[in-house]
């Protein structure tokens, strides 16, 4: 069992500000560490001399252990003071990042990424749980909005901008170095803050078998989802085998948890709460939208628009302001105006759909100004969506299973993000090939437009000093690059549309699930026992 919180009202306390500020800074350390590979990939590969297969373990190790950290954190909170869990995890994160900044040994970097992933998962669960433990439920909208700034907004908008600037002006090692002062500041604030008063109850024994089975399942799925597109999925035996192993381990884990009768790692009582069950399902869709769009926009900017890492990172930064603004507006509506959290979900979904549809019209001639309206609308939509599903998920949970709910919800969001990115990457890869075939079939040397284009390009190159033969070959190569670029643009536009269509399909399904859960609960009310 988890600790039972004694209700506190410390809104006027300086220690309260230190506590929330420390947790926010701790969440920022995870935001920076979790996204370090998004823009620093090429630089890290160059400095470590890693092959793509070797480099993949930096991402797999972090993500798999972060998922495992989400699931183990509730047990840690039942044995260790929650504030100490956050402090210890933040110190581990800062130390691992400091060492990662001064080494290029790939094996050591993989080990450090494992530590960073587990630390990040535990500090996010513990930090959010402390906020729920420490403050009255009526004040949770604004507090959860503040926490989301570090846990959701930062990795989606702020961290890429910081990392792009550090890579262009310094090197990728500075990204890790930037975590160190944040970690020290977070620990300092937490040490002088007021700790929540907790009445600790009898905790469950550590479920070694469950953790082992779950670790195998999550590690296998992380590898499959992050690397499946590179290997054309089940065409590669290792992807097939890891999928089978992961599915088998998950099924055995679920059976083992049922037989544990409440003493295992998974708290099945969470799923008796309709609001949590609904929000847990939504977390997969929301994770796919958040991580998928955060993957598409910088990738499009770098690969199609040829922006620098700094410019690609800055592209998402303005949306962070509206993301935060939407979080605060939603918090005001829920906390002051007493609007139910469900009310803002449709607005969030519609805004994200509209923004992805607008981005689907982007071309190779598009610039940041052309994409900005859609990116800003995306920030608004995500703000209205994420605070709502957070409050829907946790508002009715008791202190006994709150931490387990937070860990499970975050696991769903992360897995949804992995699925979304994997699906979009596969869609882009396949569409680029298909588009090249279609465009190539319609661009042949006998067409008047092609002849005119090649002649004009050859003439320009000849005027610049190339001999006619070289100019002709260069003109043909340039036309090929133009066709390839157009194929990529169409593939990205299709991917943007796919995110919008995700909600077109998911929205009625989610509404149906919500209605079905309500009807089921009316017929089968939860007994007081």
Protein backbone atom coordinates (compact mmCIF):
# COMPACT_ATOMS: atom_id res chain seq x y z
CA UNK A 1 0.00 0.00 0.00
CA UNK A 2 1.10 3.56 -0.59
CA UNK A 3 1.42 6.33 1.98
CA UNK A 4 -1.73 8.08 3.10
CA UNK A 5 -1.47 11.85 2.88
CA UNK A 6 -2.64 14.12 5.68
CA UNK A 7 -4.43 17.06 4.05
CA UNK A 8 -2.36 20.23 4.21
CA UNK A 9 -3.17 23.81 3.42
CA UNK A 10 0.11 25.69 2.88
CA UNK A 11 -0.72 28.02 0.04
CA UNK A 12 0.74 31.03 1.90
CA UNK A 13 3.87 29.21 2.99
CA UNK A 14 7.27 30.05 1.51
CA UNK A 15 8.16 26.39 1.90
CA UNK A 16 5.23 25.59 -0.35
CA UNK A 17 6.69 27.73 -3.14
CA UNK A 18 10.06 26.05 -2.69
CA UNK A 19 8.43 22.62 -2.93
CA UNK A 20 6.55 23.34 -6.16
CA UNK A 21 9.54 25.21 -7.63
CA UNK A 22 11.89 22.34 -6.79
CA UNK A 23 9.58 19.76 -8.37
CA UNK A 24 9.22 21.94 -11.49
CA UNK A 25 13.01 22.24 -11.88
CA UNK A 26 13.39 18.48 -11.32
CA UNK A 27 10.86 17.87 -14.10
CA UNK A 28 12.86 20.20 -16.37
CA UNK A 29 15.98 18.05 -15.91
CA UNK A 30 14.02 15.08 -17.24
CA UNK A 31 12.64 17.16 -20.11
CA UNK A 32 16.13 18.08 -21.31
CA UNK A 33 17.60 14.60 -20.85
CA UNK A 34 14.67 12.87 -22.57
CA UNK A 35 14.94 14.95 -25.76
CA UNK A 36 18.73 15.23 -26.08
CA UNK A 37 18.85 12.78 -29.01
CA UNK A 38 16.20 14.52 -31.11
CA UNK A 39 18.52 17.25 -32.46
CA UNK A 40 21.90 16.03 -31.21
CA UNK A 41 21.78 12.66 -32.98
CA UNK A 42 24.24 13.45 -35.80
CA UNK A 43 26.74 15.18 -33.52
CA UNK A 44 26.74 12.37 -30.95
CA UNK A 45 27.17 9.70 -33.66
CA UNK A 46 30.13 11.64 -35.05
CA UNK A 47 31.87 12.00 -31.68
CA UNK A 48 31.24 8.42 -30.50
CA UNK A 49 31.90 6.77 -33.89
CA UNK A 50 28.75 4.73 -33.30
CA UNK A 51 26.87 2.81 -35.94
CA UNK A 52 23.10 3.43 -36.17
CA UNK A 53 22.47 0.08 -34.41
CA UNK A 54 24.84 0.97 -31.58
CA UNK A 55 23.48 4.48 -31.26
CA UNK A 56 19.92 3.13 -31.00
CA UNK A 57 20.70 1.73 -27.55
CA UNK A 58 21.06 5.26 -26.18
CA UNK A 59 17.41 5.86 -26.98
CA UNK A 60 16.16 2.36 -26.14
CA UNK A 61 17.96 2.26 -22.79
CA UNK A 62 16.50 5.59 -21.71
CA UNK A 63 12.93 4.95 -22.81
CA UNK A 64 12.70 1.38 -21.52
CA UNK A 65 14.03 2.30 -18.07
CA UNK A 66 11.80 5.36 -17.92
CA UNK A 67 8.78 3.12 -18.47
CA UNK A 68 10.05 0.71 -15.82
CA UNK A 69 10.64 3.67 -13.48
CA UNK A 70 7.01 4.74 -13.93
CA UNK A 71 5.83 1.32 -12.75
CA UNK A 72 8.29 0.84 -9.87
CA UNK A 73 7.98 4.37 -8.45
CA UNK A 74 4.72 3.64 -6.53
CA UNK A 75 6.44 0.83 -4.62
CA UNK A 76 9.40 3.13 -3.84
CA UNK A 77 7.00 5.75 -2.49
CA UNK A 78 5.54 3.17 -0.10
CA UNK A 79 9.00 2.50 1.36
CA UNK A 80 10.81 5.83 1.05
CA UNK A 81 9.68 9.35 1.89
CA UNK A 82 8.35 10.80 -1.40
CA UNK A 83 10.45 13.95 -1.09
CA UNK A 84 13.57 11.82 -0.69
CA UNK A 85 12.64 9.86 -3.82
CA UNK A 86 12.50 13.09 -5.83
CA UNK A 87 15.76 14.37 -4.33
CA UNK A 88 17.57 11.08 -4.90
CA UNK A 89 16.28 10.75 -8.47
CA UNK A 90 17.21 14.34 -9.29
CA UNK A 91 20.72 13.88 -7.91
CA UNK A 92 21.10 10.68 -9.92
CA UNK A 93 19.89 12.50 -13.05
CA UNK A 94 22.29 15.40 -12.52
CA UNK A 95 25.25 13.11 -11.81
CA UNK A 96 24.56 10.90 -14.84
CA UNK A 97 24.26 13.97 -17.10
CA UNK A 98 27.48 15.47 -15.73
CA UNK A 99 29.41 12.28 -16.49
CA UNK A 100 27.76 11.98 -19.93
CA UNK A 101 29.04 15.45 -20.79
CA UNK A 102 32.68 14.44 -20.35
CA UNK A 103 32.78 11.05 -22.05
CA UNK A 104 32.39 9.73 -25.58
CA UNK A 105 32.57 6.04 -24.62
CA UNK A 106 29.45 4.52 -26.07
CA UNK A 107 29.10 1.73 -23.49
CA UNK A 108 29.34 4.24 -20.64
CA UNK A 109 26.87 6.57 -22.34
CA UNK A 110 24.37 3.71 -22.67
CA UNK A 111 24.73 2.92 -18.95
CA UNK A 112 24.27 6.59 -18.09
CA UNK A 113 21.17 6.80 -20.29
CA UNK A 114 19.72 3.85 -18.38
CA UNK A 115 20.28 5.71 -15.10
CA UNK A 116 18.79 8.89 -16.56
CA UNK A 117 15.71 7.03 -17.79
CA UNK A 118 14.95 5.32 -14.49
CA UNK A 119 15.62 8.53 -12.55
CA UNK A 120 13.37 10.51 -14.86
CA UNK A 121 10.50 8.07 -14.54
CA UNK A 122 10.63 7.94 -10.74
CA UNK A 123 11.02 11.69 -10.21
CA UNK A 124 8.04 12.49 -12.46
CA UNK A 125 5.75 10.07 -10.61
CA UNK A 126 7.01 11.07 -7.16
CA UNK A 127 6.88 14.79 -7.94
CA UNK A 128 3.32 14.72 -9.21
CA UNK A 129 2.24 12.50 -6.32
CA UNK A 130 3.73 14.94 -3.78
CA UNK A 131 1.70 17.78 -5.26
CA UNK A 132 -1.49 15.72 -4.87
CA UNK A 133 -0.46 14.60 -1.38
CA UNK A 134 0.40 18.11 -0.18
CA UNK A 135 -2.46 20.29 -1.34
CA UNK A 136 -6.22 20.27 -1.29
CA UNK A 137 -7.97 18.83 -4.34
CA UNK A 138 -9.67 22.18 -5.00
CA UNK A 139 -6.26 23.71 -5.76
CA UNK A 140 -5.03 20.93 -8.03
CA UNK A 141 -5.94 22.53 -11.41
CA UNK A 142 -3.42 25.36 -11.10
CA UNK A 143 -0.80 23.16 -9.42
CA UNK A 144 -1.08 20.45 -12.07
CA UNK A 145 -0.86 23.14 -14.75
CA UNK A 146 2.43 24.30 -13.22
CA UNK A 147 3.73 20.72 -13.06
CA UNK A 148 2.73 20.15 -16.69
CA UNK A 149 4.94 23.08 -17.69
CA UNK A 150 7.98 21.05 -16.73
CA UNK A 151 6.74 17.55 -17.50
CA UNK A 152 4.86 18.12 -20.79
CA UNK A 153 5.46 21.63 -22.17
CA UNK A 154 9.24 21.66 -21.75
CA UNK A 155 10.06 18.46 -23.67
CA UNK A 156 7.58 19.38 -26.41
CA UNK A 157 8.64 23.01 -26.99
CA UNK A 158 11.28 24.57 -24.73
CA UNK A 159 13.91 21.81 -24.66
CA UNK A 160 14.29 21.53 -28.48
CA UNK A 161 14.91 25.29 -28.75
CA UNK A 162 17.55 25.19 -26.01
CA UNK A 163 19.22 22.15 -27.50
CA UNK A 164 19.28 23.53 -31.03
CA UNK A 165 21.00 26.69 -29.82
CA UNK A 166 23.53 24.76 -27.71
CA UNK A 167 24.39 22.42 -30.61
CA UNK A 168 24.89 25.25 -33.10
CA UNK A 169 26.81 27.51 -30.72
CA UNK A 170 28.70 24.95 -28.62
CA UNK A 171 28.26 21.14 -28.74
CA UNK A 172 25.91 18.38 -27.62
CA UNK A 173 27.83 17.99 -24.35
CA UNK A 174 26.48 21.37 -23.26
CA UNK A 175 22.97 19.93 -23.33
CA UNK A 176 23.96 17.49 -20.60
CA UNK A 177 25.89 20.18 -18.74
CA UNK A 178 22.80 22.40 -18.68
CA UNK A 179 21.03 19.74 -16.60
CA UNK A 180 23.56 19.95 -13.75
CA UNK A 181 22.72 23.46 -12.42
CA UNK A 182 19.01 22.73 -12.78
CA UNK A 183 19.39 19.52 -10.75
CA UNK A 184 21.39 21.30 -8.03
CA UNK A 185 18.88 24.13 -7.86
CA UNK A 186 16.00 21.64 -7.66
CA UNK A 187 17.64 19.70 -4.84
CA UNK A 188 18.42 22.92 -2.99
CA UNK A 189 14.82 24.10 -3.13
CA UNK A 190 13.49 20.69 -2.11
CA UNK A 191 15.85 20.47 0.87
CA UNK A 192 14.57 23.76 2.31
CA UNK A 193 10.93 23.12 1.42
CA UNK A 194 8.23 21.77 3.68
CA UNK A 195 7.77 18.04 3.22
CA UNK A 196 4.23 16.66 3.03
CA UNK A 197 3.12 14.91 6.20
CA UNK A 198 2.45 11.28 5.41
CA UNK A 199 1.03 8.53 7.54
CA UNK A 200 2.84 5.51 6.14
CA UNK A 201 0.88 2.29 6.00
CA UNK A 202 2.07 -1.27 5.61
CA UNK A 203 3.77 -1.61 2.24
CA UNK A 204 3.67 -4.56 -0.11
CA UNK A 205 6.72 -6.77 -0.63
CA UNK A 206 8.74 -6.09 -3.75
CA UNK A 207 7.34 -8.11 -6.65
CA UNK A 208 10.57 -9.39 -8.22
CA UNK A 209 8.84 -11.74 -10.63
CA UNK A 210 6.41 -9.06 -11.78
CA UNK A 211 9.18 -6.52 -12.27
CA UNK A 212 11.24 -9.01 -14.28
CA UNK A 213 8.33 -9.93 -16.54
CA UNK A 214 7.29 -6.31 -17.00
CA UNK A 215 10.88 -5.25 -17.73
CA UNK A 216 11.15 -7.88 -20.47
CA UNK A 217 7.84 -6.77 -21.99
CA UNK A 218 8.56 -3.03 -21.88
CA UNK A 219 12.14 -3.41 -23.13
CA UNK A 220 11.00 -5.60 -26.02
CA UNK A 221 8.20 -3.24 -27.03
CA UNK A 222 10.50 -0.23 -26.76
CA UNK A 223 13.00 -1.83 -29.14
CA UNK A 224 10.28 -2.92 -31.57
CA UNK A 225 8.52 0.46 -31.65
CA UNK A 226 11.69 2.54 -31.91
CA UNK A 227 13.53 0.32 -34.42
CA UNK A 228 10.77 -1.46 -36.31
CA UNK A 229 10.58 1.13 -39.08
CA UNK A 230 14.31 0.90 -39.76
CA UNK A 231 14.07 -2.86 -40.31
CA UNK A 232 10.76 -2.89 -42.21
CA UNK A 233 9.08 -4.39 -39.15
CA UNK A 234 8.42 -8.12 -39.32
CA UNK A 235 10.63 -8.60 -42.36
CA UNK A 236 13.44 -8.65 -39.78
CA UNK A 237 13.43 -11.80 -37.57
CA UNK A 238 14.63 -9.96 -34.47
CA UNK A 239 11.64 -7.59 -34.60
CA UNK A 240 9.27 -10.54 -34.93
CA UNK A 241 10.89 -12.46 -32.09
CA UNK A 242 11.00 -9.46 -29.76
CA UNK A 243 7.33 -8.79 -30.46
CA UNK A 244 6.47 -12.39 -29.57
CA UNK A 245 8.66 -12.29 -26.45
CA UNK A 246 7.19 -8.96 -25.34
CA UNK A 247 3.61 -10.11 -25.86
CA UNK A 248 4.25 -13.40 -24.05
CA UNK A 249 5.95 -11.63 -21.14
CA UNK A 250 3.04 -9.16 -20.88
CA UNK A 251 0.44 -11.93 -20.83
CA UNK A 252 2.36 -13.90 -18.20
CA UNK A 253 2.80 -10.68 -16.19
CA UNK A 254 -0.94 -9.99 -16.22
CA UNK A 255 -1.68 -13.57 -15.17
CA UNK A 256 0.90 -13.37 -12.40
CA UNK A 257 -0.59 -10.09 -11.17
CA UNK A 258 -4.08 -11.59 -11.01
CA UNK A 259 -2.78 -14.54 -9.01
CA UNK A 260 -0.93 -12.17 -6.64
CA UNK A 261 -4.33 -10.99 -5.31
CA UNK A 262 -3.43 -7.38 -4.64
CA UNK A 263 0.18 -8.01 -3.57
CA UNK A 264 1.69 -7.58 -7.03
CA UNK A 265 3.08 -4.62 -8.90
CA UNK A 266 -0.15 -3.67 -10.70
CA UNK A 267 -3.07 -2.19 -8.78
CA UNK A 268 -6.19 -3.50 -10.52
CA UNK A 269 -8.46 -1.42 -8.29
CA UNK A 270 -7.55 1.58 -10.47
CA UNK A 271 -9.61 0.20 -13.32
CA UNK A 272 -12.73 0.16 -11.17
CA UNK A 273 -12.65 3.97 -11.38
CA UNK A 274 -14.43 4.91 -14.61
CA UNK A 275 -12.73 8.30 -14.88
CA UNK A 276 -9.26 6.82 -14.53
CA UNK A 277 -10.00 4.02 -17.00
CA UNK A 278 -11.29 6.53 -19.55
CA UNK A 279 -8.32 8.89 -19.05
CA UNK A 280 -5.88 5.96 -19.28
CA UNK A 281 -7.32 5.04 -22.69
CA UNK A 282 -7.21 8.69 -23.80
CA UNK A 283 -3.56 8.92 -22.67
CA UNK A 284 -2.52 6.67 -25.56
CA UNK A 285 -4.20 8.95 -28.10
CA UNK A 286 -2.92 12.12 -26.42
CA UNK A 287 0.60 10.69 -26.27
CA UNK A 288 0.48 9.82 -29.95
CA UNK A 289 -0.63 13.38 -30.78
CA UNK A 290 1.96 15.05 -28.53
CA UNK A 291 5.00 12.96 -29.43
CA UNK A 292 3.91 12.43 -33.03
CA UNK A 293 3.49 16.13 -33.80
CA UNK A 294 6.67 16.96 -31.86
CA UNK A 295 8.48 14.45 -34.11
CA UNK A 296 6.91 15.61 -37.38
CA UNK A 297 7.40 19.36 -37.14
CA UNK A 298 11.18 19.46 -36.43
CA UNK A 299 11.77 16.57 -38.85
CA UNK A 300 9.96 18.45 -41.61
CA UNK A 301 11.88 21.61 -40.79
CA UNK A 302 15.28 19.89 -40.93
CA UNK A 303 14.78 17.42 -43.79
CA UNK A 304 12.55 19.48 -46.11
CA UNK A 305 13.08 23.13 -45.20
CA UNK A 306 16.79 22.58 -44.45
CA UNK A 307 16.63 24.62 -41.24
CA UNK A 308 19.51 24.53 -38.76
CA UNK A 309 19.00 22.79 -35.40
CA UNK A 310 18.58 26.21 -33.76
CA UNK A 311 15.88 27.31 -36.20
CA UNK A 312 14.15 23.92 -36.01
CA UNK A 313 14.11 24.11 -32.22
CA UNK A 314 12.87 27.72 -32.23
CA UNK A 315 10.03 26.73 -34.55
CA UNK A 316 8.19 25.05 -31.65
CA UNK A 317 9.12 27.60 -28.98
CA UNK A 318 6.28 30.12 -29.59
CA UNK A 319 3.73 27.33 -29.21
CA UNK A 320 5.11 26.74 -25.72
CA UNK A 321 3.78 30.15 -24.66
CA UNK A 322 0.28 29.32 -25.86
CA UNK A 323 0.60 25.81 -24.39
CA UNK A 324 1.28 27.39 -20.99
CA UNK A 325 -1.44 29.99 -21.55
CA UNK A 326 -3.99 27.29 -22.35
CA UNK A 327 -2.97 25.35 -19.24
CA UNK A 328 -3.51 28.42 -17.06
CA UNK A 329 -6.83 29.33 -18.72
CA UNK A 330 -8.07 25.76 -18.29
CA UNK A 331 -6.89 25.78 -14.66
CA UNK A 332 -8.76 29.04 -14.04
CA UNK A 333 -11.95 27.70 -15.59
CA UNK A 334 -11.79 24.50 -13.54
CA UNK A 335 -10.61 25.96 -10.23
CA UNK A 336 -12.45 29.29 -10.13
CA UNK A 337 -15.40 28.80 -12.46
CA UNK A 338 -15.85 25.15 -11.43
CA UNK A 339 -16.13 23.95 -15.02
CA UNK A 340 -15.75 20.14 -15.19
CA UNK A 341 -12.49 18.91 -16.79
CA UNK A 342 -14.40 17.13 -19.58
CA UNK A 343 -15.57 20.50 -20.93
CA UNK A 344 -12.22 21.50 -22.45
CA UNK A 345 -11.42 18.13 -24.06
CA UNK A 346 -13.43 18.77 -27.28
CA UNK A 347 -11.75 22.16 -27.75
CA UNK A 348 -8.32 20.58 -27.36
CA UNK A 349 -9.10 17.83 -29.86
CA UNK A 350 -10.57 20.22 -32.45
CA UNK A 351 -7.59 22.60 -32.19
CA UNK A 352 -5.05 19.81 -32.64
CA UNK A 353 -7.00 18.44 -35.61
CA UNK A 354 -7.18 21.87 -37.22
CA UNK A 355 -3.48 22.55 -36.69
CA UNK A 356 -2.41 19.26 -38.26
CA UNK A 357 -4.76 19.85 -41.21
CA UNK A 358 -3.21 23.31 -41.71
CA UNK A 359 0.31 21.87 -41.59
CA UNK A 360 -0.64 19.27 -44.21
CA UNK A 361 -0.58 22.08 -46.77
CA UNK A 362 3.11 22.85 -46.17
CA UNK A 363 5.50 22.81 -49.12
CA UNK A 364 9.25 22.99 -49.64
CA UNK A 365 8.79 26.74 -50.08
CA UNK A 366 7.09 27.14 -46.70
CA UNK A 367 8.81 29.11 -43.99
CA UNK A 368 8.42 29.50 -40.26
CA UNK A 369 5.86 32.29 -40.75
CA UNK A 370 3.72 30.06 -42.97
CA UNK A 371 3.63 27.30 -40.35
CA UNK A 372 3.38 29.47 -37.25
CA UNK A 373 -0.43 29.80 -37.08
CA UNK A 374 -0.84 26.01 -37.11
CA UNK A 375 1.96 25.50 -34.57
CA UNK A 376 0.41 28.05 -32.21
CA UNK A 377 -2.99 26.40 -32.56
CA UNK A 378 -1.36 23.06 -31.70
CA UNK A 379 0.01 24.56 -28.47
CA UNK A 380 -3.45 25.79 -27.46
CA UNK A 381 -5.01 22.42 -28.18
CA UNK A 382 -2.45 20.45 -26.22
CA UNK A 383 -2.85 22.77 -23.23
CA UNK A 384 -6.62 22.31 -23.08
CA UNK A 385 -6.33 18.54 -23.59
CA UNK A 386 -3.56 17.54 -21.19
CA UNK A 387 -4.71 19.32 -18.05
CA UNK A 388 -8.19 17.94 -18.53
CA UNK A 389 -7.20 14.30 -18.86
CA UNK A 390 -4.79 14.66 -15.92
CA UNK A 391 -7.54 15.90 -13.61
CA UNK A 392 -10.02 13.37 -14.97
CA UNK A 393 -7.57 10.57 -14.26
CA UNK A 394 -6.50 11.46 -10.73
CA UNK A 395 -9.15 13.64 -9.08
CA UNK A 396 -11.18 10.70 -7.75
CA UNK A 397 -8.26 8.46 -6.75
CA UNK A 398 -7.44 8.01 -3.10
CA UNK A 399 -3.97 8.39 -1.64
CA UNK A 400 -3.67 4.58 -1.49
CA UNK A 401 -3.55 4.13 -5.24
CA UNK A 402 -2.76 7.64 -6.49
CA UNK A 403 0.92 6.97 -7.17
CA UNK A 404 0.08 3.75 -9.02
CA UNK A 405 -2.41 5.66 -11.13
CA UNK A 406 0.15 8.34 -11.99
CA UNK A 407 2.72 5.72 -12.98
CA UNK A 408 0.26 3.77 -15.11
CA UNK A 409 -1.11 6.90 -16.79
CA UNK A 410 2.40 8.12 -17.69
CA UNK A 411 3.24 4.66 -19.03
CA UNK A 412 0.21 4.81 -21.31
CA UNK A 413 1.14 8.27 -22.56
CA UNK A 414 4.74 7.23 -23.27
CA UNK A 415 3.70 4.03 -25.05
CA UNK A 416 1.14 5.98 -27.06
CA UNK A 417 3.91 8.36 -28.08
CA UNK A 418 6.15 5.48 -29.15
CA UNK A 419 3.34 3.99 -31.20
CA UNK A 420 2.53 7.33 -32.79
CA UNK A 421 6.10 8.12 -33.78
CA UNK A 422 6.66 4.57 -35.09
CA UNK A 423 3.49 4.71 -37.19
CA UNK A 424 4.34 8.14 -38.60
CA UNK A 425 7.93 7.19 -39.39
CA UNK A 426 6.74 4.07 -41.21
CA UNK A 427 4.10 6.06 -43.08
CA UNK A 428 6.69 8.60 -44.22
CA UNK A 429 9.21 5.96 -45.29
CA UNK A 430 6.67 4.01 -47.32
CA UNK A 431 5.10 7.11 -48.86
CA UNK A 432 8.45 8.54 -49.95
CA UNK A 433 9.13 5.36 -51.94
CA UNK A 434 5.60 5.24 -53.38
CA UNK A 435 5.63 8.95 -54.23
CA UNK A 436 9.00 8.62 -55.96
CA UNK A 437 7.62 5.82 -58.11
CA UNK A 438 4.54 7.85 -59.08
CA UNK A 439 6.41 11.09 -59.71
CA UNK A 440 9.23 9.31 -61.52
CA UNK A 441 6.74 7.62 -63.85
CA UNK A 442 5.41 11.04 -64.81
CA UNK A 443 8.81 12.72 -65.20
CA UNK A 444 10.57 11.27 -68.22
CA UNK A 445 12.96 12.70 -70.74
CA UNK A 446 10.39 12.77 -73.56
CA UNK A 447 7.96 15.19 -71.93
CA UNK A 448 8.11 18.81 -73.16
CA UNK A 449 8.05 20.23 -69.62
CA UNK A 450 10.97 18.02 -68.59
CA UNK A 451 12.95 18.93 -71.72
CA UNK A 452 12.31 22.61 -71.08
CA UNK A 453 13.33 22.34 -67.42
CA UNK A 454 16.55 20.48 -68.22
CA UNK A 455 17.42 22.90 -71.04
CA UNK A 456 16.88 25.94 -68.83
CA UNK A 457 18.93 24.50 -65.96
CA UNK A 458 21.71 23.42 -68.32
CA UNK A 459 21.86 26.91 -69.80
CA UNK A 460 22.14 28.48 -66.35
CA UNK A 461 24.92 26.10 -65.31
CA UNK A 462 26.75 26.61 -68.60
CA UNK A 463 26.60 30.37 -68.10
CA UNK A 464 28.24 29.86 -64.71
CA UNK A 465 31.25 28.17 -66.31
CA UNK A 466 30.44 24.45 -66.57
CA UNK A 467 31.08 22.68 -69.84
CA UNK A 468 27.91 21.54 -71.68
CA UNK A 469 28.30 17.83 -70.80
CA UNK A 470 28.84 18.49 -67.09
CA UNK A 471 26.02 21.03 -67.05
CA UNK A 472 23.64 18.49 -68.60
CA UNK A 473 24.51 15.83 -66.00
CA UNK A 474 24.19 18.36 -63.17
CA UNK A 475 20.80 19.49 -64.49
CA UNK A 476 19.58 15.88 -64.50
CA UNK A 477 20.82 15.40 -60.92
CA UNK A 478 19.11 18.60 -59.77
CA UNK A 479 15.84 17.46 -61.34
CA UNK A 480 16.17 14.13 -59.54
CA UNK A 481 16.72 15.92 -56.24
CA UNK A 482 13.69 18.10 -56.90
CA UNK A 483 11.53 15.03 -57.53
CA UNK A 484 12.88 13.34 -54.39
CA UNK A 485 12.23 16.48 -52.36
CA UNK A 486 8.68 16.72 -53.62
CA UNK A 487 8.10 13.06 -52.75
CA UNK A 488 9.26 13.80 -49.19
CA UNK A 489 7.01 16.87 -48.93
CA UNK A 490 3.96 14.85 -49.98
CA UNK A 491 4.89 12.11 -47.49
CA UNK A 492 5.09 14.61 -44.62
CA UNK A 493 1.80 16.22 -45.65
CA UNK A 494 0.20 12.78 -45.54
CA UNK A 495 1.65 12.23 -42.06
CA UNK A 496 0.23 15.54 -40.81
CA UNK A 497 -3.16 14.52 -42.17
CA UNK A 498 -2.80 11.15 -40.43
CA UNK A 499 -2.52 12.86 -37.01
CA UNK A 500 -5.67 14.85 -37.77
CA UNK A 501 -7.48 11.71 -38.91
CA UNK A 502 -6.40 9.95 -35.72
CA UNK A 503 -8.76 12.18 -33.78
CA UNK A 504 -11.48 11.87 -36.40
CA UNK A 505 -11.46 8.13 -35.73
CA UNK A 506 -10.59 8.24 -32.03
CA UNK A 507 -13.05 10.95 -30.91
CA UNK A 508 -16.28 9.01 -31.55
CA UNK A 509 -14.68 5.84 -30.21
CA UNK A 510 -13.69 7.61 -26.99
CA UNK A 511 -17.15 9.13 -26.64
CA UNK A 512 -18.66 5.67 -27.09
CA UNK A 513 -16.30 4.25 -24.44
CA UNK A 514 -17.27 7.01 -22.00
CA UNK A 515 -20.99 6.42 -22.56
CA UNK A 516 -20.50 2.67 -22.27
CA UNK A 517 -18.60 3.01 -18.99
CA UNK A 518 -21.32 5.25 -17.55
CA UNK A 519 -24.06 2.80 -18.48
CA UNK A 520 -22.09 -0.14 -17.13
CA UNK A 521 -21.49 1.63 -13.82
CA UNK A 522 -25.18 2.43 -13.43
CA UNK A 523 -25.97 -1.26 -13.77
CA UNK A 524 -22.99 -2.43 -11.70
CA UNK A 525 -22.24 0.20 -9.02
CA UNK A 526 -19.02 -0.14 -7.03
CA UNK A 527 -19.74 -1.62 -3.61
CA UNK A 528 -18.61 0.34 -0.60
CA UNK A 529 -16.55 -2.59 0.57
